[in-house]
Amino acid sequence: MGTVVQLKRQINNSYFDLKKSVDEKLVLVEEKIKTKLNSDVGLVQKMTNYHIQTGGKRLRALLTLGSAKLCKYLKGGRDINLAACVELIHAATLMHDDVIDVSNVRRGKKTINSIWGNQSSILVGDYLLSRCFEMMVEDGNLEVLKLLSSTSSKIAQGEILQLQHKGDIDMLEETYLKIISTKTA
């Protein structure tokens, strides 16, 4: 049991070290997300504000920023833009996942679908994806657009594969691992 505790400490320390090294940029990612989620539609604004307030570790943004830093990317704001994109994709998939799994709580807070219903939750998840794709087009790099589009497609296919095997007690380990790997892309 001591090994598990030590490993958890190492992971936590690594997370906090990474967070500290890109903290200033992470603040800019949060600002970018807030700006991009602005909407004149009242319900969209309420739901996206709620999503932002529920927080999260922003692990995907941290990994994006950390990778950019390791690659010595120093100019411009593409790293911030792409870190925000990755977070928006993640948030959208969580909203959709909560509907599919009929989840009422995530991170100790009520899920968006449990407050505003499944229809609104799906549509706001789609709104997040559309904002993300606008940001990728603004970035102008077709390779990035291709990568994040194919990643989004894999995540959706993983969800569908999970639905296809719902209640399947004879599911092969290989299928289970495929579901996990595609859902987390």
N, C-alpha and C. Protein backbone atom coordinates (compact mmCIF):
# COMPACT_ATOMS: atom_id res chain seq x y z
N MET A 1 0.82 -1.20 0.00
CA MET A 1 0.00 0.00 0.00
C MET A 1 0.86 1.25 0.00
N GLY A 2 2.03 1.20 0.62
CA GLY A 2 2.93 2.34 0.67
C GLY A 2 3.36 2.79 -0.71
N THR A 3 3.53 1.85 -1.63
CA THR A 3 3.93 2.18 -3.00
C THR A 3 2.86 3.00 -3.70
N VAL A 4 1.59 2.66 -3.48
CA VAL A 4 0.49 3.41 -4.09
C VAL A 4 0.48 4.84 -3.57
N VAL A 5 0.65 5.01 -2.27
CA VAL A 5 0.67 6.35 -1.67
C VAL A 5 1.85 7.15 -2.22
N GLN A 6 3.02 6.52 -2.33
CA GLN A 6 4.19 7.21 -2.88
C GLN A 6 3.95 7.63 -4.33
N LEU A 7 3.36 6.74 -5.11
CA LEU A 7 3.07 7.04 -6.51
C LEU A 7 2.09 8.21 -6.60
N LYS A 8 1.07 8.20 -5.75
CA LYS A 8 0.10 9.30 -5.76
C LYS A 8 0.78 10.62 -5.42
N ARG A 9 1.68 10.61 -4.45
CA ARG A 9 2.42 11.83 -4.09
C ARG A 9 3.26 12.32 -5.27
N GLN A 10 3.93 11.38 -5.95
CA GLN A 10 4.76 11.75 -7.11
C GLN A 10 3.90 12.37 -8.20
N ILE A 11 2.75 11.77 -8.46
CA ILE A 11 1.85 12.29 -9.48
C ILE A 11 1.36 13.68 -9.09
N ASN A 12 0.94 13.84 -7.84
CA ASN A 12 0.48 15.15 -7.37
C ASN A 12 1.59 16.18 -7.48
N ASN A 13 2.81 15.81 -7.07
CA ASN A 13 3.93 16.75 -7.17
C ASN A 13 4.21 17.12 -8.62
N SER A 14 4.17 16.14 -9.52
CA SER A 14 4.39 16.42 -10.94
C SER A 14 3.33 17.35 -11.49
N TYR A 15 2.08 17.11 -11.10
CA TYR A 15 0.98 17.97 -11.54
C TYR A 15 1.21 19.41 -11.06
N PHE A 16 1.52 19.56 -9.78
CA PHE A 16 1.71 20.91 -9.23
C PHE A 16 2.95 21.59 -9.80
N ASP A 17 4.00 20.82 -10.07
CA ASP A 17 5.19 21.39 -10.71
C ASP A 17 4.86 21.91 -12.11
N LEU A 18 4.14 21.10 -12.87
CA LEU A 18 3.74 21.52 -14.21
C LEU A 18 2.84 22.75 -14.15
N LYS A 19 1.88 22.72 -13.24
CA LYS A 19 0.95 23.85 -13.09
C LYS A 19 1.71 25.13 -12.75
N LYS A 20 2.65 25.02 -11.85
CA LYS A 20 3.43 26.19 -11.44
C LYS A 20 4.24 26.75 -12.62
N SER A 21 4.76 25.87 -13.46
CA SER A 21 5.61 26.31 -14.56
C SER A 21 4.84 27.03 -15.67
N VAL A 22 3.53 26.81 -15.74
CA VAL A 22 2.73 27.46 -16.79
C VAL A 22 1.54 28.24 -16.22
N ASP A 23 1.61 28.55 -14.94
CA ASP A 23 0.49 29.19 -14.24
C ASP A 23 0.01 30.47 -14.91
N GLU A 24 0.94 31.32 -15.33
CA GLU A 24 0.55 32.59 -15.95
C GLU A 24 -0.22 32.35 -17.24
N LYS A 25 0.23 31.38 -18.01
CA LYS A 25 -0.46 31.07 -19.28
C LYS A 25 -1.81 30.41 -19.01
N LEU A 26 -1.89 29.64 -17.94
CA LEU A 26 -3.16 28.99 -17.61
C LEU A 26 -4.24 30.03 -17.30
N VAL A 27 -3.85 31.12 -16.67
CA VAL A 27 -4.78 32.22 -16.41
C VAL A 27 -5.30 32.77 -17.75
N LEU A 28 -4.41 32.89 -18.72
CA LEU A 28 -4.80 33.38 -20.05
C LEU A 28 -5.72 32.39 -20.76
N VAL A 29 -5.51 31.10 -20.52
CA VAL A 29 -6.40 30.08 -21.08
C VAL A 29 -7.80 30.26 -20.51
N GLU A 30 -7.89 30.46 -19.20
CA GLU A 30 -9.19 30.67 -18.56
C GLU A 30 -9.89 31.89 -19.14
N GLU A 31 -9.13 32.97 -19.33
CA GLU A 31 -9.70 34.19 -19.92
C GLU A 31 -10.18 33.93 -21.34
N LYS A 32 -9.41 33.18 -22.10
CA LYS A 32 -9.77 32.85 -23.48
C LYS A 32 -11.07 32.05 -23.51
N ILE A 33 -11.17 31.08 -22.61
CA ILE A 33 -12.39 30.26 -22.54
C ILE A 33 -13.59 31.14 -22.22
N LYS A 34 -13.46 32.00 -21.22
CA LYS A 34 -14.57 32.90 -20.85
C LYS A 34 -14.98 33.77 -22.03
N THR A 35 -13.99 34.33 -22.72
CA THR A 35 -14.28 35.20 -23.86
C THR A 35 -14.99 34.43 -24.97
N LYS A 36 -14.49 33.25 -25.28
CA LYS A 36 -15.06 32.46 -26.37
C LYS A 36 -16.44 31.91 -26.05
N LEU A 37 -16.77 31.79 -24.78
CA LEU A 37 -18.07 31.24 -24.41
C LEU A 37 -19.13 32.32 -24.21
N ASN A 38 -18.76 33.58 -24.42
CA ASN A 38 -19.76 34.66 -24.35
C ASN A 38 -20.85 34.41 -25.37
N SER A 39 -22.09 34.66 -24.96
CA SER A 39 -23.22 34.46 -25.86
C SER A 39 -24.32 35.47 -25.54
N ASP A 40 -25.03 35.88 -26.57
CA ASP A 40 -26.19 36.75 -26.38
C ASP A 40 -27.42 35.95 -25.95
N VAL A 41 -27.33 34.65 -26.05
CA VAL A 41 -28.44 33.78 -25.65
C VAL A 41 -28.31 33.53 -24.15
N GLY A 42 -29.28 34.01 -23.40
CA GLY A 42 -29.21 33.97 -21.94
C GLY A 42 -28.94 32.59 -21.36
N LEU A 43 -29.65 31.58 -21.86
CA LEU A 43 -29.48 30.23 -21.31
C LEU A 43 -28.08 29.69 -21.60
N VAL A 44 -27.57 29.96 -22.79
CA VAL A 44 -26.21 29.53 -23.12
C VAL A 44 -25.22 30.18 -22.16
N GLN A 45 -25.39 31.47 -21.91
CA GLN A 45 -24.49 32.19 -21.01
C GLN A 45 -24.55 31.63 -19.59
N LYS A 46 -25.77 31.36 -19.11
CA LYS A 46 -25.93 30.79 -17.76
C LYS A 46 -25.22 29.44 -17.64
N MET A 47 -25.45 28.60 -18.65
CA MET A 47 -24.89 27.25 -18.60
C MET A 47 -23.37 27.25 -18.73
N THR A 48 -22.84 28.09 -19.61
CA THR A 48 -21.38 28.13 -19.76
C THR A 48 -20.73 28.76 -18.53
N ASN A 49 -21.37 29.77 -17.95
CA ASN A 49 -20.84 30.35 -16.70
C ASN A 49 -20.80 29.29 -15.60
N TYR A 50 -21.86 28.50 -15.50
CA TYR A 50 -21.90 27.44 -14.50
C TYR A 50 -20.77 26.44 -14.74
N HIS A 51 -20.58 26.09 -16.00
CA HIS A 51 -19.50 25.15 -16.34
C HIS A 51 -18.15 25.71 -15.90
N ILE A 52 -17.89 26.97 -16.19
CA ILE A 52 -16.61 27.59 -15.83
C ILE A 52 -16.43 27.61 -14.31
N GLN A 53 -17.52 27.91 -13.59
CA GLN A 53 -17.44 27.99 -12.13
C GLN A 53 -17.19 26.63 -11.48
N THR A 54 -17.62 25.55 -12.13
CA THR A 54 -17.40 24.22 -11.54
C THR A 54 -15.94 23.79 -11.65
N GLY A 55 -15.18 24.48 -12.49
CA GLY A 55 -13.73 24.29 -12.54
C GLY A 55 -13.28 22.96 -13.10
N GLY A 56 -12.29 22.41 -12.47
CA GLY A 56 -11.62 21.21 -12.96
C GLY A 56 -10.12 21.43 -12.86
N LYS A 57 -9.38 20.39 -13.10
CA LYS A 57 -7.91 20.49 -12.98
C LYS A 57 -7.26 21.14 -14.19
N ARG A 58 -7.99 21.19 -15.31
CA ARG A 58 -7.44 21.74 -16.56
C ARG A 58 -6.19 20.99 -16.99
N LEU A 59 -6.20 19.69 -16.76
CA LEU A 59 -5.05 18.84 -17.07
C LEU A 59 -4.69 18.89 -18.56
N ARG A 60 -5.70 18.87 -19.41
CA ARG A 60 -5.42 18.89 -20.85
C ARG A 60 -4.77 20.20 -21.27
N ALA A 61 -5.24 21.29 -20.70
CA ALA A 61 -4.62 22.60 -20.98
C ALA A 61 -3.18 22.62 -20.46
N LEU A 62 -2.99 22.08 -19.27
CA LEU A 62 -1.63 22.03 -18.70
C LEU A 62 -0.69 21.23 -19.59
N LEU A 63 -1.16 20.09 -20.08
CA LEU A 63 -0.32 19.27 -20.95
C LEU A 63 -0.02 19.97 -22.27
N THR A 64 -1.00 20.68 -22.80
CA THR A 64 -0.78 21.43 -24.05
C THR A 64 0.24 22.53 -23.83
N LEU A 65 0.07 23.30 -22.75
CA LEU A 65 1.01 24.38 -22.45
C LEU A 65 2.40 23.84 -22.12
N GLY A 66 2.44 22.74 -21.35
CA GLY A 66 3.72 22.13 -21.01
C GLY A 66 4.45 21.62 -22.23
N SER A 67 3.70 21.02 -23.17
CA SER A 67 4.31 20.54 -24.41
C SER A 67 4.86 21.69 -25.23
N ALA A 68 4.11 22.77 -25.32
CA ALA A 68 4.58 23.95 -26.06
C ALA A 68 5.86 24.49 -25.43
N LYS A 69 5.88 24.50 -24.10
CA LYS A 69 7.07 25.00 -23.40
C LYS A 69 8.28 24.09 -23.66
N LEU A 70 8.06 22.79 -23.61
CA LEU A 70 9.15 21.85 -23.88
C LEU A 70 9.69 21.99 -25.30
N CYS A 71 8.81 22.35 -26.22
CA CYS A 71 9.21 22.53 -27.62
C CYS A 71 9.75 23.93 -27.89
N LYS A 72 9.91 24.70 -26.81
CA LYS A 72 10.46 26.06 -26.89
C LYS A 72 9.56 27.01 -27.69
N TYR A 73 8.25 26.77 -27.66
CA TYR A 73 7.33 27.71 -28.29
C TYR A 73 7.20 28.92 -27.38
N LEU A 74 7.64 30.07 -27.83
CA LEU A 74 7.66 31.25 -26.98
C LEU A 74 6.88 32.43 -27.55
N LYS A 75 6.65 32.45 -28.85
CA LYS A 75 6.03 33.63 -29.45
C LYS A 75 4.55 33.39 -29.72
N GLY A 76 3.80 34.46 -29.76
CA GLY A 76 2.39 34.37 -30.09
C GLY A 76 1.56 33.72 -29.00
N GLY A 77 0.30 33.46 -29.33
CA GLY A 77 -0.61 32.89 -28.35
C GLY A 77 -1.26 31.61 -28.81
N ARG A 78 -0.63 30.94 -29.77
CA ARG A 78 -1.22 29.70 -30.28
C ARG A 78 -1.34 28.65 -29.18
N ASP A 79 -0.38 28.60 -28.28
CA ASP A 79 -0.43 27.61 -27.21
C ASP A 79 -1.65 27.84 -26.32
N ILE A 80 -1.94 29.11 -26.05
CA ILE A 80 -3.09 29.46 -25.21
C ILE A 80 -4.39 29.11 -25.94
N ASN A 81 -4.45 29.47 -27.21
CA ASN A 81 -5.63 29.19 -28.03
C ASN A 81 -5.90 27.68 -28.11
N LEU A 82 -4.86 26.90 -28.36
CA LEU A 82 -5.04 25.46 -28.51
C LEU A 82 -5.32 24.78 -27.17
N ALA A 83 -4.73 25.29 -26.09
CA ALA A 83 -5.04 24.76 -24.76
C ALA A 83 -6.51 24.99 -24.43
N ALA A 84 -7.02 26.16 -24.80
CA ALA A 84 -8.45 26.45 -24.59
C ALA A 84 -9.31 25.53 -25.45
N CYS A 85 -8.90 25.29 -26.69
CA CYS A 85 -9.63 24.37 -27.58
C CYS A 85 -9.74 22.98 -26.96
N VAL A 86 -8.64 22.48 -26.49
CA VAL A 86 -8.62 21.13 -25.91
C VAL A 86 -9.55 21.07 -24.70
N GLU A 87 -9.56 22.11 -23.90
CA GLU A 87 -10.45 22.14 -22.74
C GLU A 87 -11.92 22.20 -23.16
N LEU A 88 -12.22 22.95 -24.22
CA LEU A 88 -13.60 23.03 -24.69
C LEU A 88 -14.08 21.69 -25.25
N ILE A 89 -13.21 21.00 -25.96
CA ILE A 89 -13.57 19.66 -26.45
C ILE A 89 -13.86 18.75 -25.26
N HIS A 90 -12.99 18.79 -24.28
CA HIS A 90 -13.17 17.96 -23.08
C HIS A 90 -14.48 18.29 -22.37
N ALA A 91 -14.76 19.58 -22.20
CA ALA A 91 -15.99 20.00 -21.52
C ALA A 91 -17.23 19.54 -22.29
N ALA A 92 -17.19 19.68 -23.60
CA ALA A 92 -18.33 19.25 -24.43
C ALA A 92 -18.56 17.75 -24.29
N THR A 93 -17.49 16.98 -24.32
CA THR A 93 -17.65 15.53 -24.21
C THR A 93 -18.17 15.13 -22.82
N LEU A 94 -17.79 15.88 -21.79
CA LEU A 94 -18.31 15.60 -20.45
C LEU A 94 -19.81 15.89 -20.39
N MET A 95 -20.23 17.00 -21.01
CA MET A 95 -21.66 17.33 -21.02
C MET A 95 -22.45 16.23 -21.73
N HIS A 96 -21.94 15.79 -22.86
CA HIS A 96 -22.62 14.72 -23.60
C HIS A 96 -22.59 13.42 -22.80
N ASP A 97 -21.46 13.11 -22.19
CA ASP A 97 -21.31 11.89 -21.40
C ASP A 97 -22.28 11.86 -20.22
N ASP A 98 -22.45 13.01 -19.57
CA ASP A 98 -23.37 13.08 -18.43
C ASP A 98 -24.81 12.78 -18.85
N VAL A 99 -25.19 13.22 -20.05
CA VAL A 99 -26.52 12.91 -20.56
C VAL A 99 -26.64 11.41 -20.83
N ILE A 100 -25.67 10.86 -21.53
CA ILE A 100 -25.70 9.44 -21.89
C ILE A 100 -25.71 8.56 -20.65
N ASP A 101 -24.89 8.91 -19.66
CA ASP A 101 -24.78 8.10 -18.45
C ASP A 101 -25.82 8.46 -17.39
N VAL A 102 -26.68 9.42 -17.68
CA VAL A 102 -27.70 9.91 -16.75
C VAL A 102 -27.04 10.30 -15.42
N SER A 103 -25.95 11.04 -15.52
CA SER A 103 -25.22 11.48 -14.33
C SER A 103 -25.84 12.76 -13.78
N ASN A 104 -25.91 12.83 -12.46
CA ASN A 104 -26.45 14.02 -11.81
C ASN A 104 -25.39 14.84 -11.10
N VAL A 105 -24.22 14.22 -10.86
CA VAL A 105 -23.16 14.90 -10.12
C VAL A 105 -21.83 14.66 -10.83
N ARG A 106 -21.04 15.73 -10.93
CA ARG A 106 -19.67 15.65 -11.45
C ARG A 106 -18.84 16.62 -10.62
N ARG A 107 -17.70 16.14 -10.13
CA ARG A 107 -16.81 16.94 -9.29
C ARG A 107 -17.55 17.52 -8.07
N GLY A 108 -18.49 16.75 -7.55
CA GLY A 108 -19.22 17.17 -6.36
C GLY A 108 -20.28 18.23 -6.60
N LYS A 109 -20.55 18.57 -7.85
CA LYS A 109 -21.56 19.58 -8.19
C LYS A 109 -22.60 18.96 -9.12
N LYS A 110 -23.78 19.57 -9.13
CA LYS A 110 -24.81 19.09 -10.05
C LYS A 110 -24.33 19.24 -11.49
N THR A 111 -24.66 18.25 -12.30
CA THR A 111 -24.30 18.32 -13.72
C THR A 111 -25.24 19.31 -14.43
N ILE A 112 -24.78 19.79 -15.56
CA ILE A 112 -25.57 20.74 -16.34
C ILE A 112 -26.90 20.12 -16.76
N ASN A 113 -26.88 18.84 -17.16
CA ASN A 113 -28.13 18.20 -17.58
C ASN A 113 -29.10 18.01 -16.43
N SER A 114 -28.60 17.86 -15.20
CA SER A 114 -29.51 17.69 -14.07
C SER A 114 -30.17 19.02 -13.68
N ILE A 115 -29.58 20.13 -14.08
CA ILE A 115 -30.15 21.46 -13.79
C ILE A 115 -31.04 21.94 -14.94
N TRP A 116 -30.52 21.87 -16.17
CA TRP A 116 -31.21 22.46 -17.32
C TRP A 116 -31.81 21.45 -18.29
N GLY A 117 -31.59 20.17 -18.04
CA GLY A 117 -32.17 19.15 -18.91
C GLY A 117 -31.21 18.66 -19.98
N ASN A 118 -31.56 17.52 -20.54
CA ASN A 118 -30.70 16.87 -21.53
C ASN A 118 -30.59 17.64 -22.83
N GLN A 119 -31.70 18.17 -23.32
CA GLN A 119 -31.67 18.87 -24.60
C GLN A 119 -30.72 20.07 -24.55
N SER A 120 -30.86 20.89 -23.52
CA SER A 120 -29.99 22.06 -23.38
C SER A 120 -28.54 21.65 -23.21
N SER A 121 -28.32 20.59 -22.46
CA SER A 121 -26.96 20.13 -22.21
C SER A 121 -26.28 19.68 -23.50
N ILE A 122 -27.00 18.92 -24.31
CA ILE A 122 -26.44 18.46 -25.59
C ILE A 122 -26.15 19.66 -26.49
N LEU A 123 -27.08 20.59 -26.57
CA LEU A 123 -26.90 21.75 -27.45
C LEU A 123 -25.76 22.65 -26.99
N VAL A 124 -25.62 22.83 -25.68
CA VAL A 124 -24.50 23.65 -25.19
C VAL A 124 -23.18 22.91 -25.39
N GLY A 125 -23.18 21.60 -25.25
CA GLY A 125 -21.97 20.83 -25.59
C GLY A 125 -21.60 21.03 -27.05
N ASP A 126 -22.60 21.02 -27.91
CA ASP A 126 -22.36 21.29 -29.34
C ASP A 126 -21.85 22.72 -29.55
N TYR A 127 -22.40 23.66 -28.78
CA TYR A 127 -21.95 25.06 -28.86
C TYR A 127 -20.45 25.15 -28.51
N LEU A 128 -20.05 24.45 -27.46
CA LEU A 128 -18.63 24.45 -27.08
C LEU A 128 -17.77 23.89 -28.21
N LEU A 129 -18.22 22.81 -28.82
CA LEU A 129 -17.47 22.23 -29.95
C LEU A 129 -17.38 23.22 -31.11
N SER A 130 -18.49 23.89 -31.40
CA SER A 130 -18.46 24.84 -32.53
C SER A 130 -17.53 26.01 -32.25
N ARG A 131 -17.51 26.49 -31.02
CA ARG A 131 -16.58 27.58 -30.66
C ARG A 131 -15.14 27.10 -30.78
N CYS A 132 -14.91 25.87 -30.37
CA CYS A 132 -13.57 25.29 -30.48
C CYS A 132 -13.13 25.21 -31.94
N PHE A 133 -14.02 24.76 -32.80
CA PHE A 133 -13.66 24.64 -34.21
C PHE A 133 -13.43 26.02 -34.84
N GLU A 134 -14.17 27.03 -34.40
CA GLU A 134 -13.89 28.40 -34.85
C GLU A 134 -12.48 28.81 -34.46
N MET A 135 -12.09 28.48 -33.24
CA MET A 135 -10.75 28.83 -32.75
C MET A 135 -9.67 28.10 -33.55
N MET A 136 -9.94 26.85 -33.92
CA MET A 136 -8.96 26.11 -34.71
C MET A 136 -8.81 26.71 -36.10
N VAL A 137 -9.92 27.14 -36.68
CA VAL A 137 -9.85 27.78 -37.99
C VAL A 137 -9.07 29.09 -37.89
N GLU A 138 -9.31 29.85 -36.82
CA GLU A 138 -8.55 31.09 -36.59
C GLU A 138 -7.06 30.80 -36.46
N ASP A 139 -6.72 29.66 -35.87
CA ASP A 139 -5.32 29.28 -35.72
C ASP A 139 -4.67 29.11 -37.09
N GLY A 140 -5.44 28.58 -38.04
CA GLY A 140 -4.96 28.51 -39.41
C GLY A 140 -4.10 27.31 -39.77
N ASN A 141 -3.81 26.44 -38.82
CA ASN A 141 -2.96 25.29 -39.10
C ASN A 141 -3.85 24.08 -39.39
N LEU A 142 -3.82 23.61 -40.61
CA LEU A 142 -4.67 22.48 -40.99
C LEU A 142 -4.31 21.20 -40.26
N GLU A 143 -3.05 21.03 -39.90
CA GLU A 143 -2.65 19.83 -39.15
C GLU A 143 -3.31 19.80 -37.77
N VAL A 144 -3.38 20.97 -37.13
CA VAL A 144 -4.04 21.07 -35.83
C VAL A 144 -5.52 20.77 -35.99
N LEU A 145 -6.14 21.36 -36.99
CA LEU A 145 -7.56 21.13 -37.25
C LEU A 145 -7.82 19.65 -37.50
N LYS A 146 -6.97 19.03 -38.28
CA LYS A 146 -7.11 17.60 -38.59
C LYS A 146 -6.96 16.75 -37.33
N LEU A 147 -5.95 17.05 -36.52
CA LEU A 147 -5.70 16.28 -35.30
C LEU A 147 -6.85 16.39 -34.31
N LEU A 148 -7.28 17.61 -34.02
CA LEU A 148 -8.34 17.79 -33.03
C LEU A 148 -9.69 17.30 -33.56
N SER A 149 -9.92 17.40 -34.87
CA SER A 149 -11.15 16.86 -35.45
C SER A 149 -11.18 15.34 -35.34
N SER A 150 -10.07 14.70 -35.68
CA SER A 150 -10.04 13.23 -35.60
C SER A 150 -10.11 12.77 -34.15
N THR A 151 -9.53 13.53 -33.24
CA THR A 151 -9.62 13.19 -31.81
C THR A 151 -11.07 13.27 -31.34
N SER A 152 -11.78 14.32 -31.75
CA SER A 152 -13.19 14.46 -31.39
C SER A 152 -14.01 13.30 -31.94
N SER A 153 -13.70 12.90 -33.16
CA SER A 153 -14.39 11.78 -33.79
C SER A 153 -14.15 10.48 -33.01
N LYS A 154 -12.91 10.26 -32.59
CA LYS A 154 -12.58 9.04 -31.81
C LYS A 154 -13.34 9.02 -30.49
N ILE A 155 -13.42 10.17 -29.84
CA ILE A 155 -14.13 10.24 -28.56
C ILE A 155 -15.60 9.88 -28.76
N ALA A 156 -16.22 10.44 -29.81
CA ALA A 156 -17.63 10.14 -30.09
C ALA A 156 -17.82 8.66 -30.39
N GLN A 157 -16.90 8.09 -31.15
CA GLN A 157 -17.01 6.66 -31.47
C GLN A 157 -16.84 5.80 -30.21
N GLY A 158 -16.00 6.24 -29.30
CA GLY A 158 -15.84 5.52 -28.03
C GLY A 158 -17.12 5.52 -27.22
N GLU A 159 -17.81 6.67 -27.20
CA GLU A 159 -19.10 6.76 -26.50
C GLU A 159 -20.13 5.82 -27.14
N ILE A 160 -20.16 5.82 -28.47
CA ILE A 160 -21.11 4.97 -29.19
C ILE A 160 -20.79 3.49 -28.94
N LEU A 161 -19.51 3.15 -28.95
CA LEU A 161 -19.10 1.77 -28.67
C LEU A 161 -19.52 1.36 -27.26
N GLN A 162 -19.39 2.27 -26.31
CA GLN A 162 -19.82 1.99 -24.94
C GLN A 162 -21.33 1.74 -24.91
N LEU A 163 -22.09 2.56 -25.61
CA LEU A 163 -23.55 2.37 -25.68
C LEU A 163 -23.90 1.03 -26.31
N GLN A 164 -23.18 0.69 -27.37
CA GLN A 164 -23.42 -0.56 -28.08
C GLN A 164 -23.24 -1.76 -27.15
N HIS A 165 -22.32 -1.66 -26.20
CA HIS A 165 -22.01 -2.78 -25.31
C HIS A 165 -22.60 -2.61 -23.90
N LYS A 166 -23.51 -1.66 -23.75
CA LYS A 166 -24.12 -1.43 -22.44
C LYS A 166 -24.81 -2.71 -21.95
N GLY A 167 -24.47 -3.11 -20.75
CA GLY A 167 -25.06 -4.30 -20.16
C GLY A 167 -24.50 -5.61 -20.68
N ASP A 168 -23.50 -5.54 -21.52
CA ASP A 168 -22.88 -6.75 -22.12
C ASP A 168 -21.91 -7.36 -21.11
N ILE A 169 -22.38 -8.38 -20.39
CA ILE A 169 -21.52 -8.99 -19.37
C ILE A 169 -20.45 -9.90 -19.98
N ASP A 170 -20.59 -10.19 -21.27
CA ASP A 170 -19.60 -11.03 -21.96
C ASP A 170 -18.63 -10.20 -22.79
N MET A 171 -18.58 -8.91 -22.54
CA MET A 171 -17.69 -8.04 -23.31
C MET A 171 -16.24 -8.49 -23.15
N LEU A 172 -15.55 -8.53 -24.26
CA LEU A 172 -14.14 -8.90 -24.24
C LEU A 172 -13.31 -7.78 -23.62
N GLU A 173 -12.23 -8.17 -22.98
CA GLU A 173 -11.32 -7.19 -22.39
C GLU A 173 -10.81 -6.23 -23.46
N GLU A 174 -10.54 -6.75 -24.64
CA GLU A 174 -10.06 -5.93 -25.76
C GLU A 174 -11.06 -4.82 -26.11
N THR A 175 -12.35 -5.16 -26.09
CA THR A 175 -13.40 -4.18 -26.38
C THR A 175 -13.45 -3.13 -25.28
N TYR A 176 -13.39 -3.58 -24.04
CA TYR A 176 -13.40 -2.66 -22.90
C TYR A 176 -12.23 -1.67 -22.99
N LEU A 177 -11.05 -2.18 -23.28
CA LEU A 177 -9.87 -1.31 -23.39
C LEU A 177 -10.00 -0.35 -24.57
N LYS A 178 -10.63 -0.81 -25.64
CA LYS A 178 -10.85 0.07 -26.80
C LYS A 178 -11.80 1.21 -26.42
N ILE A 179 -12.84 0.89 -25.68
CA ILE A 179 -13.79 1.92 -25.23
C ILE A 179 -13.06 2.96 -24.40
N ILE A 180 -12.28 2.50 -23.44
CA ILE A 180 -11.55 3.43 -22.56
C ILE A 180 -10.58 4.29 -23.36
N SER A 181 -9.83 3.68 -24.25
CA SER A 181 -8.81 4.45 -24.98
C SER A 181 -9.45 5.44 -25.95
N THR A 182 -10.57 5.08 -26.58
CA THR A 182 -11.18 6.03 -27.51
C THR A 182 -11.93 7.14 -26.78
N LYS A 183 -12.54 6.83 -25.64
CA LYS A 183 -13.25 7.88 -24.90
C LYS A 183 -12.29 8.92 -24.33
N THR A 184 -11.08 8.51 -24.03
CA THR A 184 -10.10 9.46 -23.49
C THR A 184 -9.18 10.00 -24.57
N ALA A 185 -9.27 9.41 -25.76
CA ALA A 185 -8.47 9.80 -26.94
C ALA A 185 -7.05 10.14 -26.55
